[in-house]
Amino acid sequence: MAKPHLGITTKNFFKSLAVISDMSYFNRMKTLQALVFLLGSLTTYAQHIEHYYDWQWKPSTISQARFLTTIDYKDSVWYRRDFYVRERSLRMSGSFLDSSCKIGHGKFQYFHPNKSLESLGDFVNGKKEGIWVSFYPNKIIRDSSLFKDGKPIGTSFRWHSNGYISDSSIYNEDGSGVSVGWFDNGAPSRAGRYAPGRAMNGKWQFFHKNGKLSSTEIYTDGRLVNKTYFDEDGNTIADTTNRDHEATFKGGSKGWVQFLQSQVYFPSQYKIVNGDAAVVVVTGVVDEEGNMTDVEVNTPFYPDFDRIAVNAVRKSPKWTPAVDHNRRVKYLIRQAVTFAQE
């Protein structure tokens, strides 16, 4: 029989961290290690597990940890909570049917680093069930979908970060349905139907952001059988060779890294005592004109470092926009920004 829990909880653990919050983040690690050792020693015999992960979600020591995971077993269910270590805030909470936390079962919620809600919904036997909603870091709703046995059913909506509707789709239980999309200026983006299994079927139309057709495509159960391309003035393009590509930076990935290095600097008032580098993961969206937009911290390190990383990505020169179905579209990037101290 497992020994009873001795009362040191994660909540109390973070309260202990708050007591030493006036210390330098980098110099708090020894105290943090002592607290974790105490917490671990008191919960050895309880149904309570803790893991620490680095910025890449790889197992790490406490001194390198960005995320803390706690798992508690009760009534045949494993309750898991993920925390942002530095922010001392919740990243995810949910329950699982297995100790490896692969089969979700029950209510789940996820949070952005700024503590705003990211998504919310239920799993049943490892599959999404019922209404799921998600939000941007600015709290504007991102999408809302109804799921049955892990598949979307009924009407699903998506929105751009400026609040304009992005997608509206209706799905039947067999995966057939219809989908319509819009750009963030309200212009149409695409329209078409799905055969069972969500296979594109029949006539699909895609549009440039100015509202003119970019492509008319004919599908048979997911197989493209014919297409016609148009330029942004509405003229037919004779060459229908696939033009799709990701967004690219002038000079390629090497040029992008060189640009970031020219913008990123190590704040002189800090010194890392448990390593020689710090990493902030940032996301951004290259829009249809090649501008870098919607830059947000995805994996934080420390406020001053986070700001420097975000500002560096925001200052990006224009990219070559991504192309999909012969028209320019938004493209999401996820960039690790590394700070190296001398």
C-alpha atoms as a PDB file:
ATOM      1  CA  MET A   1       0.000   0.000   0.000  1.00  0.00           C
ATOM      2  CA  ALA A   2       1.318   3.407  -0.938  1.00  0.00           C
ATOM      3  CA  LYS A   3       2.203   5.748   1.914  1.00  0.00           C
ATOM      4  CA  PRO A   4      -0.014   8.840   2.254  1.00  0.00           C
ATOM      5  CA  HIS A   5       1.027  12.102   0.585  1.00  0.00           C
ATOM      6  CA  LEU A   6       2.821  14.317   3.100  1.00  0.00           C
ATOM      7  CA  GLY A   7       1.283  17.597   2.008  1.00  0.00           C
ATOM      8  CA  ILE A   8       3.936  19.177  -0.217  1.00  0.00           C
ATOM      9  CA  THR A   9       1.961  19.988  -3.361  1.00  0.00           C
ATOM     10  CA  THR A  10       2.875  21.706  -6.605  1.00  0.00           C
ATOM     11  CA  LYS A  11       0.838  24.689  -5.440  1.00  0.00           C
ATOM     12  CA  ASN A  12       2.967  24.972  -2.318  1.00  0.00           C
ATOM     13  CA  PHE A  13       6.063  24.425  -4.432  1.00  0.00           C
ATOM     14  CA  PHE A  14       5.273  27.461  -6.586  1.00  0.00           C
ATOM     15  CA  LYS A  15       4.419  29.485  -3.471  1.00  0.00           C
ATOM     16  CA  SER A  16       7.936  28.682  -2.276  1.00  0.00           C
ATOM     17  CA  LEU A  17       9.301  29.947  -5.565  1.00  0.00           C
ATOM     18  CA  ALA A  18       7.391  33.205  -5.121  1.00  0.00           C
ATOM     19  CA  VAL A  19       9.225  33.810  -1.836  1.00  0.00           C
ATOM     20  CA  ILE A  20      12.536  33.934  -3.670  1.00  0.00           C
ATOM     21  CA  SER A  21      11.215  35.803  -6.737  1.00  0.00           C
ATOM     22  CA  ASP A  22      13.285  38.888  -5.847  1.00  0.00           C
ATOM     23  CA  MET A  23      16.449  36.914  -6.561  1.00  0.00           C
ATOM     24  CA  SER A  24      17.975  36.782 -10.037  1.00  0.00           C
ATOM     25  CA  TYR A  25      16.305  34.129 -12.186  1.00  0.00           C
ATOM     26  CA  PHE A  26      19.677  32.627 -12.949  1.00  0.00           C
ATOM     27  CA  ASN A  27      20.847  32.597  -9.328  1.00  0.00           C
ATOM     28  CA  ARG A  28      17.610  31.031  -8.071  1.00  0.00           C
ATOM     29  CA  MET A  29      18.458  27.650  -9.510  1.00  0.00           C
ATOM     30  CA  LYS A  30      20.339  26.300  -6.490  1.00  0.00           C
ATOM     31  CA  THR A  31      17.425  27.207  -4.216  1.00  0.00           C
ATOM     32  CA  LEU A  32      15.046  25.767  -6.803  1.00  0.00           C
ATOM     33  CA  GLN A  33      16.999  22.520  -6.857  1.00  0.00           C
ATOM     34  CA  ALA A  34      16.809  22.268  -3.074  1.00  0.00           C
ATOM     35  CA  LEU A  35      13.039  22.783  -3.138  1.00  0.00           C
ATOM     36  CA  VAL A  36      12.598  20.165  -5.835  1.00  0.00           C
ATOM     37  CA  PHE A  37      14.743  17.691  -3.898  1.00  0.00           C
ATOM     38  CA  LEU A  38      12.561  18.234  -0.837  1.00  0.00           C
ATOM     39  CA  LEU A  39       9.396  17.881  -2.896  1.00  0.00           C
ATOM     40  CA  GLY A  40      10.680  14.706  -4.519  1.00  0.00           C
ATOM     41  CA  SER A  41      11.780  13.119  -1.252  1.00  0.00           C
ATOM     42  CA  LEU A  42       8.413  13.724   0.373  1.00  0.00           C
ATOM     43  CA  THR A  43       6.432  12.245  -2.515  1.00  0.00           C
ATOM     44  CA  THR A  44       8.562   9.168  -3.190  1.00  0.00           C
ATOM     45  CA  TYR A  45       5.934   6.788  -1.861  1.00  0.00           C
ATOM     46  CA  ALA A  46       2.857   8.637  -3.148  1.00  0.00           C
ATOM     47  CA  GLN A  47       1.148   8.173  -6.523  1.00  0.00           C
ATOM     48  CA  HIS A  48       2.775  11.382  -7.697  1.00  0.00           C
ATOM     49  CA  ILE A  49       5.313  11.787 -10.513  1.00  0.00           C
ATOM     50  CA  GLU A  50       7.266  14.841 -11.678  1.00  0.00           C
ATOM     51  CA  HIS A  51       9.291  15.409 -14.831  1.00  0.00           C
ATOM     52  CA  TYR A  52      11.308  18.373 -16.101  1.00  0.00           C
ATOM     53  CA  TYR A  53      11.798  19.321 -19.746  1.00  0.00           C
ATOM     54  CA  ASP A  54      13.936  21.788 -21.680  1.00  0.00           C
ATOM     55  CA  TRP A  55      12.742  24.180 -24.392  1.00  0.00           C
ATOM     56  CA  GLN A  56      12.529  21.306 -26.901  1.00  0.00           C
ATOM     57  CA  TRP A  57      10.437  19.183 -24.526  1.00  0.00           C
ATOM     58  CA  LYS A  58      13.329  16.825 -23.948  1.00  0.00           C
ATOM     59  CA  PRO A  59      13.946  15.483 -20.405  1.00  0.00           C
ATOM     60  CA  SER A  60      16.272  17.830 -18.553  1.00  0.00           C
ATOM     61  CA  THR A  61      17.720  18.696 -15.196  1.00  0.00           C
ATOM     62  CA  ILE A  62      15.917  21.236 -13.050  1.00  0.00           C
ATOM     63  CA  SER A  63      18.557  23.869 -13.834  1.00  0.00           C
ATOM     64  CA  GLN A  64      17.719  23.664 -17.550  1.00  0.00           C
ATOM     65  CA  ALA A  65      13.969  23.141 -17.170  1.00  0.00           C
ATOM     66  CA  ARG A  66      11.428  25.265 -18.994  1.00  0.00           C
ATOM     67  CA  PHE A  67       8.488  22.982 -18.250  1.00  0.00           C
ATOM     68  CA  LEU A  68       7.410  21.024 -15.197  1.00  0.00           C
ATOM     69  CA  THR A  69       5.022  18.079 -15.544  1.00  0.00           C
ATOM     70  CA  THR A  70       3.168  16.566 -12.603  1.00  0.00           C
ATOM     71  CA  ILE A  71       1.182  13.332 -12.860  1.00  0.00           C
ATOM     72  CA  ASP A  72      -1.110  12.043 -10.110  1.00  0.00           C
ATOM     73  CA  TYR A  73      -2.878   8.685 -10.136  1.00  0.00           C
ATOM     74  CA  LYS A  74      -6.341   8.482  -8.632  1.00  0.00           C
ATOM     75  CA  ASP A  75      -9.426   6.335  -9.280  1.00  0.00           C
ATOM     76  CA  SER A  76      -7.775   4.556 -12.241  1.00  0.00           C
ATOM     77  CA  VAL A  77      -7.058   7.862 -14.004  1.00  0.00           C
ATOM     78  CA  TRP A  78      -3.756   9.685 -14.484  1.00  0.00           C
ATOM     79  CA  TYR A  79      -4.138  13.442 -13.980  1.00  0.00           C
ATOM     80  CA  ARG A  80      -1.457  15.445 -15.758  1.00  0.00           C
ATOM     81  CA  ARG A  81      -0.546  19.106 -15.484  1.00  0.00           C
ATOM     82  CA  ASP A  82       2.190  20.903 -17.433  1.00  0.00           C
ATOM     83  CA  PHE A  83       3.573  24.196 -16.109  1.00  0.00           C
ATOM     84  CA  TYR A  84       5.706  26.991 -17.498  1.00  0.00           C
ATOM     85  CA  VAL A  85       8.505  27.019 -14.907  1.00  0.00           C
ATOM     86  CA  ARG A  86       9.570  30.654 -15.042  1.00  0.00           C
ATOM     87  CA  GLU A  87       6.011  32.017 -15.295  1.00  0.00           C
ATOM     88  CA  ARG A  88       4.857  29.580 -12.580  1.00  0.00           C
ATOM     89  CA  SER A  89       1.665  29.172 -14.611  1.00  0.00           C
ATOM     90  CA  LEU A  90      -0.349  26.333 -16.102  1.00  0.00           C
ATOM     91  CA  ARG A  91       0.311  25.231 -19.673  1.00  0.00           C
ATOM     92  CA  MET A  92      -1.976  22.184 -19.867  1.00  0.00           C
ATOM     93  CA  SER A  93      -4.218  20.106 -17.653  1.00  0.00           C
ATOM     94  CA  GLY A  94      -6.018  16.885 -18.542  1.00  0.00           C
ATOM     95  CA  SER A  95      -6.593  13.289 -17.546  1.00  0.00           C
ATOM     96  CA  PHE A  96      -5.445  10.061 -19.200  1.00  0.00           C
ATOM     97  CA  LEU A  97      -6.319   6.389 -19.084  1.00  0.00           C
ATOM     98  CA  ASP A  98      -2.682   5.263 -19.298  1.00  0.00           C
ATOM     99  CA  SER A  99       0.467   6.050 -17.336  1.00  0.00           C
ATOM    100  CA  SER A 100       2.295   7.219 -20.490  1.00  0.00           C
ATOM    101  CA  CYS A 101      -0.393   9.906 -20.956  1.00  0.00           C
ATOM    102  CA  LYS A 102      -1.247   9.004 -24.546  1.00  0.00           C
ATOM    103  CA  ILE A 103      -4.985   8.231 -24.218  1.00  0.00           C
ATOM    104  CA  GLY A 104      -6.739  11.406 -23.140  1.00  0.00           C
ATOM    105  CA  HIS A 105     -10.071  11.047 -21.388  1.00  0.00           C
ATOM    106  CA  GLY A 106     -11.979  13.992 -19.948  1.00  0.00           C
ATOM    107  CA  LYS A 107     -11.713  17.768 -20.075  1.00  0.00           C
ATOM    108  CA  PHE A 108      -8.512  19.379 -21.357  1.00  0.00           C
ATOM    109  CA  GLN A 109      -7.353  22.971 -21.339  1.00  0.00           C
ATOM    110  CA  TYR A 110      -4.223  24.610 -22.743  1.00  0.00           C
ATOM    111  CA  PHE A 111      -2.749  28.057 -22.069  1.00  0.00           C
ATOM    112  CA  HIS A 112      -0.431  30.486 -23.856  1.00  0.00           C
ATOM    113  CA  PRO A 113       2.713  31.739 -22.072  1.00  0.00           C
ATOM    114  CA  ASN A 114       0.838  35.008 -21.326  1.00  0.00           C
ATOM    115  CA  LYS A 115      -1.634  32.877 -19.281  1.00  0.00           C
ATOM    116  CA  SER A 116      -4.555  33.418 -21.676  1.00  0.00           C
ATOM    117  CA  LEU A 117      -6.591  30.379 -22.717  1.00  0.00           C
ATOM    118  CA  GLU A 118      -5.293  28.636 -25.857  1.00  0.00           C
ATOM    119  CA  SER A 119      -7.827  25.805 -26.293  1.00  0.00           C
ATOM    120  CA  LEU A 120     -10.479  23.859 -24.427  1.00  0.00           C
ATOM    121  CA  GLY A 121     -12.352  20.609 -25.069  1.00  0.00           C
ATOM    122  CA  ASP A 122     -12.886  16.953 -24.164  1.00  0.00           C
ATOM    123  CA  PHE A 123     -11.274  13.667 -25.117  1.00  0.00           C
ATOM    124  CA  VAL A 124     -13.031  10.304 -24.928  1.00  0.00           C
ATOM    125  CA  ASN A 125     -10.754   7.261 -25.151  1.00  0.00           C
ATOM    126  CA  GLY A 126      -8.029   9.308 -26.832  1.00  0.00           C
ATOM    127  CA  LYS A 127     -10.255  11.027 -29.402  1.00  0.00           C
ATOM    128  CA  LYS A 128     -11.704  14.532 -29.465  1.00  0.00           C
ATOM    129  CA  GLU A 129     -15.395  14.641 -28.615  1.00  0.00           C
ATOM    130  CA  GLY A 130     -17.885  17.492 -28.505  1.00  0.00           C
ATOM    131  CA  ILE A 131     -17.110  21.199 -28.891  1.00  0.00           C
ATOM    132  CA  TRP A 132     -13.478  22.308 -29.061  1.00  0.00           C
ATOM    133  CA  VAL A 133     -12.570  25.998 -29.147  1.00  0.00           C
ATOM    134  CA  SER A 134      -9.196  27.738 -29.391  1.00  0.00           C
ATOM    135  CA  PHE A 135      -7.963  31.314 -29.071  1.00  0.00           C
ATOM    136  CA  TYR A 136      -5.089  33.506 -30.195  1.00  0.00           C
ATOM    137  CA  PRO A 137      -2.759  35.007 -27.562  1.00  0.00           C
ATOM    138  CA  ASN A 138      -4.704  38.287 -27.989  1.00  0.00           C
ATOM    139  CA  LYS A 139      -7.818  36.358 -26.785  1.00  0.00           C
ATOM    140  CA  ILE A 140      -9.593  36.536 -30.152  1.00  0.00           C
ATOM    141  CA  ILE A 141     -11.224  33.219 -30.985  1.00  0.00           C
ATOM    142  CA  ARG A 142      -9.245  31.101 -33.468  1.00  0.00           C
ATOM    143  CA  ASP A 143     -11.649  28.236 -34.202  1.00  0.00           C
ATOM    144  CA  SER A 144     -14.701  26.343 -33.009  1.00  0.00           C
ATOM    145  CA  SER A 145     -15.462  22.781 -34.088  1.00  0.00           C
ATOM    146  CA  LEU A 146     -17.717  19.906 -33.093  1.00  0.00           C
ATOM    147  CA  PHE A 147     -16.071  16.473 -32.969  1.00  0.00           C
ATOM    148  CA  LYS A 148     -17.448  12.947 -32.918  1.00  0.00           C
ATOM    149  CA  ASP A 149     -15.107  10.007 -32.423  1.00  0.00           C
ATOM    150  CA  GLY A 150     -12.128  12.243 -33.195  1.00  0.00           C
ATOM    151  CA  LYS A 151     -13.486  13.656 -36.462  1.00  0.00           C
ATOM    152  CA  PRO A 152     -15.098  17.059 -37.133  1.00  0.00           C
ATOM    153  CA  ILE A 153     -18.823  16.916 -37.759  1.00  0.00           C
ATOM    154  CA  GLY A 154     -21.392  19.604 -38.403  1.00  0.00           C
ATOM    155  CA  THR A 155     -20.274  23.220 -38.807  1.00  0.00           C
ATOM    156  CA  SER A 156     -16.710  24.329 -38.050  1.00  0.00           C
ATOM    157  CA  PHE A 157     -15.482  27.919 -38.039  1.00  0.00           C
ATOM    158  CA  ARG A 158     -12.033  29.515 -38.045  1.00  0.00           C
ATOM    159  CA  TRP A 159     -11.067  33.167 -37.644  1.00  0.00           C
ATOM    160  CA  HIS A 160      -8.055  35.324 -38.454  1.00  0.00           C
ATOM    161  CA  SER A 161      -6.216  37.037 -35.599  1.00  0.00           C
ATOM    162  CA  ASN A 162      -7.869  40.343 -36.585  1.00  0.00           C
ATOM    163  CA  GLY A 163     -11.316  38.839 -35.940  1.00  0.00           C
ATOM    164  CA  TYR A 164     -12.340  38.320 -39.586  1.00  0.00           C
ATOM    165  CA  ILE A 165     -13.722  34.877 -40.397  1.00  0.00           C
ATOM    166  CA  SER A 166     -11.230  32.563 -42.095  1.00  0.00           C
ATOM    167  CA  ASP A 167     -13.084  29.303 -42.777  1.00  0.00           C
ATOM    168  CA  SER A 168     -16.571  27.860 -42.603  1.00  0.00           C
ATOM    169  CA  SER A 169     -16.978  24.128 -43.205  1.00  0.00           C
ATOM    170  CA  ILE A 170     -19.797  21.626 -42.835  1.00  0.00           C
ATOM    171  CA  TYR A 171     -18.911  17.943 -42.427  1.00  0.00           C
ATOM    172  CA  ASN A 172     -21.099  14.854 -42.491  1.00  0.00           C
ATOM    173  CA  GLU A 173     -20.248  11.755 -40.456  1.00  0.00           C
ATOM    174  CA  ASP A 174     -18.630  10.080 -43.473  1.00  0.00           C
ATOM    175  CA  GLY A 175     -16.298  13.055 -44.003  1.00  0.00           C
ATOM    176  CA  SER A 176     -18.143  14.514 -46.961  1.00  0.00           C
ATOM    177  CA  GLY A 177     -19.039  18.164 -46.843  1.00  0.00           C
ATOM    178  CA  VAL A 178     -18.438  21.678 -48.126  1.00  0.00           C
ATOM    179  CA  SER A 179     -15.816  24.290 -47.226  1.00  0.00           C
ATOM    180  CA  VAL A 180     -15.500  28.024 -47.882  1.00  0.00           C
ATOM    181  CA  GLY A 181     -12.600  30.304 -46.896  1.00  0.00           C
ATOM    182  CA  TRP A 182     -11.766  34.023 -46.793  1.00  0.00           C
ATOM    183  CA  PHE A 183      -8.678  36.216 -46.515  1.00  0.00           C
ATOM    184  CA  ASP A 184      -8.280  38.578 -43.563  1.00  0.00           C
ATOM    185  CA  ASN A 185      -9.578  41.468 -45.694  1.00  0.00           C
ATOM    186  CA  GLY A 186     -12.896  39.664 -46.262  1.00  0.00           C
ATOM    187  CA  ALA A 187     -12.141  38.587 -49.842  1.00  0.00           C
ATOM    188  CA  PRO A 188     -12.934  34.956 -50.781  1.00  0.00           C
ATOM    189  CA  SER A 189     -10.047  32.484 -50.543  1.00  0.00           C
ATOM    190  CA  ARG A 190     -11.484  29.134 -51.687  1.00  0.00           C
ATOM    191  CA  ALA A 191     -14.681  27.099 -52.082  1.00  0.00           C
ATOM    192  CA  GLY A 192     -15.379  23.443 -52.800  1.00  0.00           C
ATOM    193  CA  ARG A 193     -16.831  20.117 -51.693  1.00  0.00           C
ATOM    194  CA  TYR A 194     -15.511  16.950 -50.085  1.00  0.00           C
ATOM    195  CA  ALA A 195     -16.410  13.367 -50.900  1.00  0.00           C
ATOM    196  CA  PRO A 196     -16.520  10.799 -48.039  1.00  0.00           C
ATOM    197  CA  GLY A 197     -13.203  10.622 -46.240  1.00  0.00           C
ATOM    198  CA  ARG A 198     -12.630  14.383 -46.734  1.00  0.00           C
ATOM    199  CA  ALA A 199     -11.403  13.832 -50.282  1.00  0.00           C
ATOM    200  CA  MET A 200     -11.633  16.940 -52.454  1.00  0.00           C
ATOM    201  CA  ASN A 201     -14.256  16.280 -55.092  1.00  0.00           C
ATOM    202  CA  GLY A 202     -15.769  18.110 -58.050  1.00  0.00           C
ATOM    203  CA  LYS A 203     -15.001  21.738 -58.824  1.00  0.00           C
ATOM    204  CA  TRP A 204     -12.858  23.781 -56.424  1.00  0.00           C
ATOM    205  CA  GLN A 205     -12.164  27.469 -56.852  1.00  0.00           C
ATOM    206  CA  PHE A 206      -9.254  29.387 -55.311  1.00  0.00           C
ATOM    207  CA  PHE A 207      -8.837  33.172 -55.272  1.00  0.00           C
ATOM    208  CA  HIS A 208      -6.158  35.847 -55.097  1.00  0.00           C
ATOM    209  CA  LYS A 209      -6.471  38.277 -52.193  1.00  0.00           C
ATOM    210  CA  ASN A 210      -7.845  40.908 -54.601  1.00  0.00           C
ATOM    211  CA  GLY A 211     -10.899  38.677 -55.127  1.00  0.00           C
ATOM    212  CA  LYS A 212     -10.034  37.388 -58.597  1.00  0.00           C
ATOM    213  CA  LEU A 213      -9.734  33.685 -59.423  1.00  0.00           C
ATOM    214  CA  SER A 214      -6.294  32.137 -59.028  1.00  0.00           C
ATOM    215  CA  SER A 215      -7.195  28.557 -59.929  1.00  0.00           C
ATOM    216  CA  THR A 216     -10.115  26.385 -60.974  1.00  0.00           C
ATOM    217  CA  GLU A 217      -9.475  22.731 -60.196  1.00  0.00           C
ATOM    218  CA  ILE A 218     -11.450  19.540 -60.823  1.00  0.00           C
ATOM    219  CA  TYR A 219     -11.044  16.579 -58.449  1.00  0.00           C
ATOM    220  CA  THR A 220     -12.338  13.026 -58.416  1.00  0.00           C
ATOM    221  CA  ASP A 221     -12.245  11.517 -54.909  1.00  0.00           C
ATOM    222  CA  GLY A 222      -9.146  13.486 -53.984  1.00  0.00           C
ATOM    223  CA  ARG A 223      -7.336  13.122 -57.314  1.00  0.00           C
ATOM    224  CA  LEU A 224      -6.682  16.280 -59.324  1.00  0.00           C
ATOM    225  CA  VAL A 225      -7.788  15.704 -62.926  1.00  0.00           C
ATOM    226  CA  ASN A 226      -7.777  19.226 -64.386  1.00  0.00           C
ATOM    227  CA  LYS A 227      -6.829  22.790 -63.476  1.00  0.00           C
ATOM    228  CA  THR A 228      -6.724  26.276 -64.927  1.00  0.00           C
ATOM    229  CA  TYR A 229      -4.540  29.086 -63.525  1.00  0.00           C
ATOM    230  CA  PHE A 230      -5.239  32.828 -63.603  1.00  0.00           C
ATOM    231  CA  ASP A 231      -3.036  35.813 -62.782  1.00  0.00           C
ATOM    232  CA  GLU A 232      -4.103  38.607 -60.429  1.00  0.00           C
ATOM    233  CA  ASP A 233      -5.661  40.534 -63.338  1.00  0.00           C
ATOM    234  CA  GLY A 234      -7.912  37.594 -64.240  1.00  0.00           C
ATOM    235  CA  ASN A 235      -5.967  36.487 -67.312  1.00  0.00           C
ATOM    236  CA  THR A 236      -5.564  32.767 -68.032  1.00  0.00           C
ATOM    237  CA  ILE A 237      -2.040  31.397 -67.530  1.00  0.00           C
ATOM    238  CA  ALA A 238      -1.058  28.800 -70.105  1.00  0.00           C
ATOM    239  CA  ASP A 239       1.599  27.152 -67.909  1.00  0.00           C
ATOM    240  CA  THR A 240      -0.153  25.220 -65.109  1.00  0.00           C
ATOM    241  CA  THR A 241       3.035  23.747 -63.634  1.00  0.00           C
ATOM    242  CA  ASN A 242       2.671  23.509 -59.860  1.00  0.00           C
ATOM    243  CA  ARG A 243       3.838  26.830 -58.416  1.00  0.00           C
ATOM    244  CA  ASP A 244       3.278  26.027 -54.732  1.00  0.00           C
ATOM    245  CA  HIS A 245       6.147  26.773 -52.330  1.00  0.00           C
ATOM    246  CA  GLU A 246       6.818  27.811 -48.744  1.00  0.00           C
ATOM    247  CA  ALA A 247       7.687  31.362 -47.760  1.00  0.00           C
ATOM    248  CA  THR A 248      11.400  32.042 -48.229  1.00  0.00           C
ATOM    249  CA  PHE A 249      13.806  34.653 -46.896  1.00  0.00           C
ATOM    250  CA  LYS A 250      16.240  36.423 -49.207  1.00  0.00           C
ATOM    251  CA  GLY A 251      19.451  34.460 -48.843  1.00  0.00           C
ATOM    252  CA  GLY A 252      17.598  31.378 -47.647  1.00  0.00           C
ATOM    253  CA  SER A 253      17.851  29.911 -44.159  1.00  0.00           C
ATOM    254  CA  LYS A 254      21.471  31.031 -43.894  1.00  0.00           C
ATOM    255  CA  GLY A 255      20.487  34.621 -44.676  1.00  0.00           C
ATOM    256  CA  TRP A 256      17.678  34.464 -42.110  1.00  0.00           C
ATOM    257  CA  VAL A 257      20.045  33.254 -39.387  1.00  0.00           C
ATOM    258  CA  GLN A 258      22.528  35.997 -40.246  1.00  0.00           C
ATOM    259  CA  PHE A 259      19.792  38.615 -39.990  1.00  0.00           C
ATOM    260  CA  LEU A 260      18.697  37.348 -36.570  1.00  0.00           C
ATOM    261  CA  GLN A 261      22.283  37.337 -35.362  1.00  0.00           C
ATOM    262  CA  SER A 262      22.571  40.987 -36.388  1.00  0.00           C
ATOM    263  CA  GLN A 263      19.528  41.863 -34.252  1.00  0.00           C
ATOM    264  CA  VAL A 264      19.961  39.657 -31.192  1.00  0.00           C
ATOM    265  CA  TYR A 265      22.255  40.618 -28.320  1.00  0.00           C
ATOM    266  CA  PHE A 266      22.867  39.224 -24.846  1.00  0.00           C
ATOM    267  CA  PRO A 267      21.641  41.644 -22.147  1.00  0.00           C
ATOM    268  CA  SER A 268      24.749  42.712 -20.239  1.00  0.00           C
ATOM    269  CA  GLN A 269      22.976  42.823 -16.876  1.00  0.00           C
ATOM    270  CA  TYR A 270      22.477  39.037 -16.884  1.00  0.00           C
ATOM    271  CA  LYS A 271      24.752  36.070 -16.523  1.00  0.00           C
ATOM    272  CA  ILE A 272      23.710  32.449 -17.005  1.00  0.00           C
ATOM    273  CA  VAL A 273      25.272  30.301 -14.317  1.00  0.00           C
ATOM    274  CA  ASN A 274      23.929  26.920 -15.475  1.00  0.00           C
ATOM    275  CA  GLY A 275      24.905  27.008 -19.127  1.00  0.00           C
ATOM    276  CA  ASP A 276      26.281  29.252 -21.840  1.00  0.00           C
ATOM    277  CA  ALA A 277      23.202  29.835 -24.005  1.00  0.00           C
ATOM    278  CA  ALA A 278      19.534  30.762 -23.705  1.00  0.00           C
ATOM    279  CA  VAL A 279      16.837  29.989 -26.266  1.00  0.00           C
ATOM    280  CA  VAL A 280      13.487  31.713 -26.870  1.00  0.00           C
ATOM    281  CA  VAL A 281      11.094  30.097 -29.339  1.00  0.00           C
ATOM    282  CA  VAL A 282       9.056  32.618 -31.330  1.00  0.00           C
ATOM    283  CA  THR A 283       6.247  32.131 -33.833  1.00  0.00           C
ATOM    284  CA  GLY A 284       5.331  34.539 -36.609  1.00  0.00           C
ATOM    285  CA  VAL A 285       3.201  34.691 -39.735  1.00  0.00           C
ATOM    286  CA  VAL A 286       4.534  35.780 -43.129  1.00  0.00           C
ATOM    287  CA  ASP A 287       1.496  37.366 -44.777  1.00  0.00           C
ATOM    288  CA  GLU A 288       0.505  37.469 -48.450  1.00  0.00           C
ATOM    289  CA  GLU A 289       2.737  40.514 -49.049  1.00  0.00           C
ATOM    290  CA  GLY A 290       5.758  38.963 -47.356  1.00  0.00           C
ATOM    291  CA  ASN A 291       5.493  40.984 -44.143  1.00  0.00           C
ATOM    292  CA  MET A 292       6.239  39.370 -40.781  1.00  0.00           C
ATOM    293  CA  THR A 293       3.119  39.610 -38.596  1.00  0.00           C
ATOM    294  CA  ASP A 294       1.549  38.117 -35.455  1.00  0.00           C
ATOM    295  CA  VAL A 295       4.904  37.573 -33.736  1.00  0.00           C
ATOM    296  CA  GLU A 296       4.466  35.866 -30.356  1.00  0.00           C
ATOM    297  CA  VAL A 297       6.571  34.033 -27.781  1.00  0.00           C
ATOM    298  CA  ASN A 298       5.932  30.303 -27.992  1.00  0.00           C
ATOM    299  CA  THR A 299       8.477  29.095 -25.428  1.00  0.00           C
ATOM    300  CA  PRO A 300       9.626  31.874 -23.077  1.00  0.00           C
ATOM    301  CA  PHE A 301      12.955  32.153 -21.272  1.00  0.00           C
ATOM    302  CA  TYR A 302      13.019  35.430 -19.344  1.00  0.00           C
ATOM    303  CA  PRO A 303      11.164  38.746 -20.041  1.00  0.00           C
ATOM    304  CA  ASP A 304      14.100  40.785 -21.350  1.00  0.00           C
ATOM    305  CA  PHE A 305      15.296  37.937 -23.557  1.00  0.00           C
ATOM    306  CA  ASP A 306      11.745  37.296 -24.786  1.00  0.00           C
ATOM    307  CA  ARG A 307      11.350  40.944 -25.822  1.00  0.00           C
ATOM    308  CA  ILE A 308      14.656  40.992 -27.684  1.00  0.00           C
ATOM    309  CA  ALA A 309      13.739  37.810 -29.581  1.00  0.00           C
ATOM    310  CA  VAL A 310      10.268  39.090 -30.512  1.00  0.00           C
ATOM    311  CA  ASN A 311      11.626  42.463 -31.653  1.00  0.00           C
ATOM    312  CA  ALA A 312      14.298  40.774 -33.769  1.00  0.00           C
ATOM    313  CA  VAL A 313      11.753  38.665 -35.642  1.00  0.00           C
ATOM    314  CA  ARG A 314       9.354  41.627 -36.005  1.00  0.00           C
ATOM    315  CA  LYS A 315      12.090  43.675 -37.688  1.00  0.00           C
ATOM    316  CA  SER A 316      12.421  41.078 -40.426  1.00  0.00           C
ATOM    317  CA  PRO A 317      12.679  42.437 -43.987  1.00  0.00           C
ATOM    318  CA  LYS A 318      10.062  41.170 -46.417  1.00  0.00           C
ATOM    319  CA  TRP A 319      10.016  37.511 -47.365  1.00  0.00           C
ATOM    320  CA  THR A 320       8.941  35.922 -50.622  1.00  0.00           C
ATOM    321  CA  PRO A 321       5.366  34.904 -49.721  1.00  0.00           C
ATOM    322  CA  ALA A 322       4.207  31.302 -49.738  1.00  0.00           C
ATOM    323  CA  VAL A 323       2.119  30.190 -52.725  1.00  0.00           C
ATOM    324  CA  ASP A 324      -0.702  27.654 -52.581  1.00  0.00           C
ATOM    325  CA  HIS A 325      -3.067  26.894 -55.497  1.00  0.00           C
ATOM    326  CA  ASN A 326      -1.410  29.659 -57.532  1.00  0.00           C
ATOM    327  CA  ARG A 327      -2.078  32.425 -54.999  1.00  0.00           C
ATOM    328  CA  ARG A 328      -0.094  33.988 -52.194  1.00  0.00           C
ATOM    329  CA  VAL A 329      -1.106  32.820 -48.717  1.00  0.00           C
ATOM    330  CA  LYS A 330      -0.049  33.248 -45.098  1.00  0.00           C
ATOM    331  CA  TYR A 331       2.769  31.070 -43.787  1.00  0.00           C
ATOM    332  CA  LEU A 332       3.518  30.218 -40.150  1.00  0.00           C
ATOM    333  CA  ILE A 333       7.120  30.061 -38.967  1.00  0.00           C
ATOM    334  CA  ARG A 334       8.474  28.767 -35.655  1.00  0.00           C
ATOM    335  CA  GLN A 335      11.920  30.105 -34.876  1.00  0.00           C
ATOM    336  CA  ALA A 336      14.318  29.281 -32.038  1.00  0.00           C
ATOM    337  CA  VAL A 337      16.312  32.421 -31.167  1.00  0.00           C
ATOM    338  CA  THR A 338      19.578  31.634 -29.377  1.00  0.00           C
ATOM    339  CA  PHE A 339      21.410  34.014 -27.030  1.00  0.00           C
ATOM    340  CA  ALA A 340      25.050  33.136 -26.390  1.00  0.00           C
ATOM    341  CA  GLN A 341      27.009  34.877 -23.667  1.00  0.00           C
ATOM    342  CA  GLU A 342      30.728  35.368 -24.096  1.00  0.00           C
END
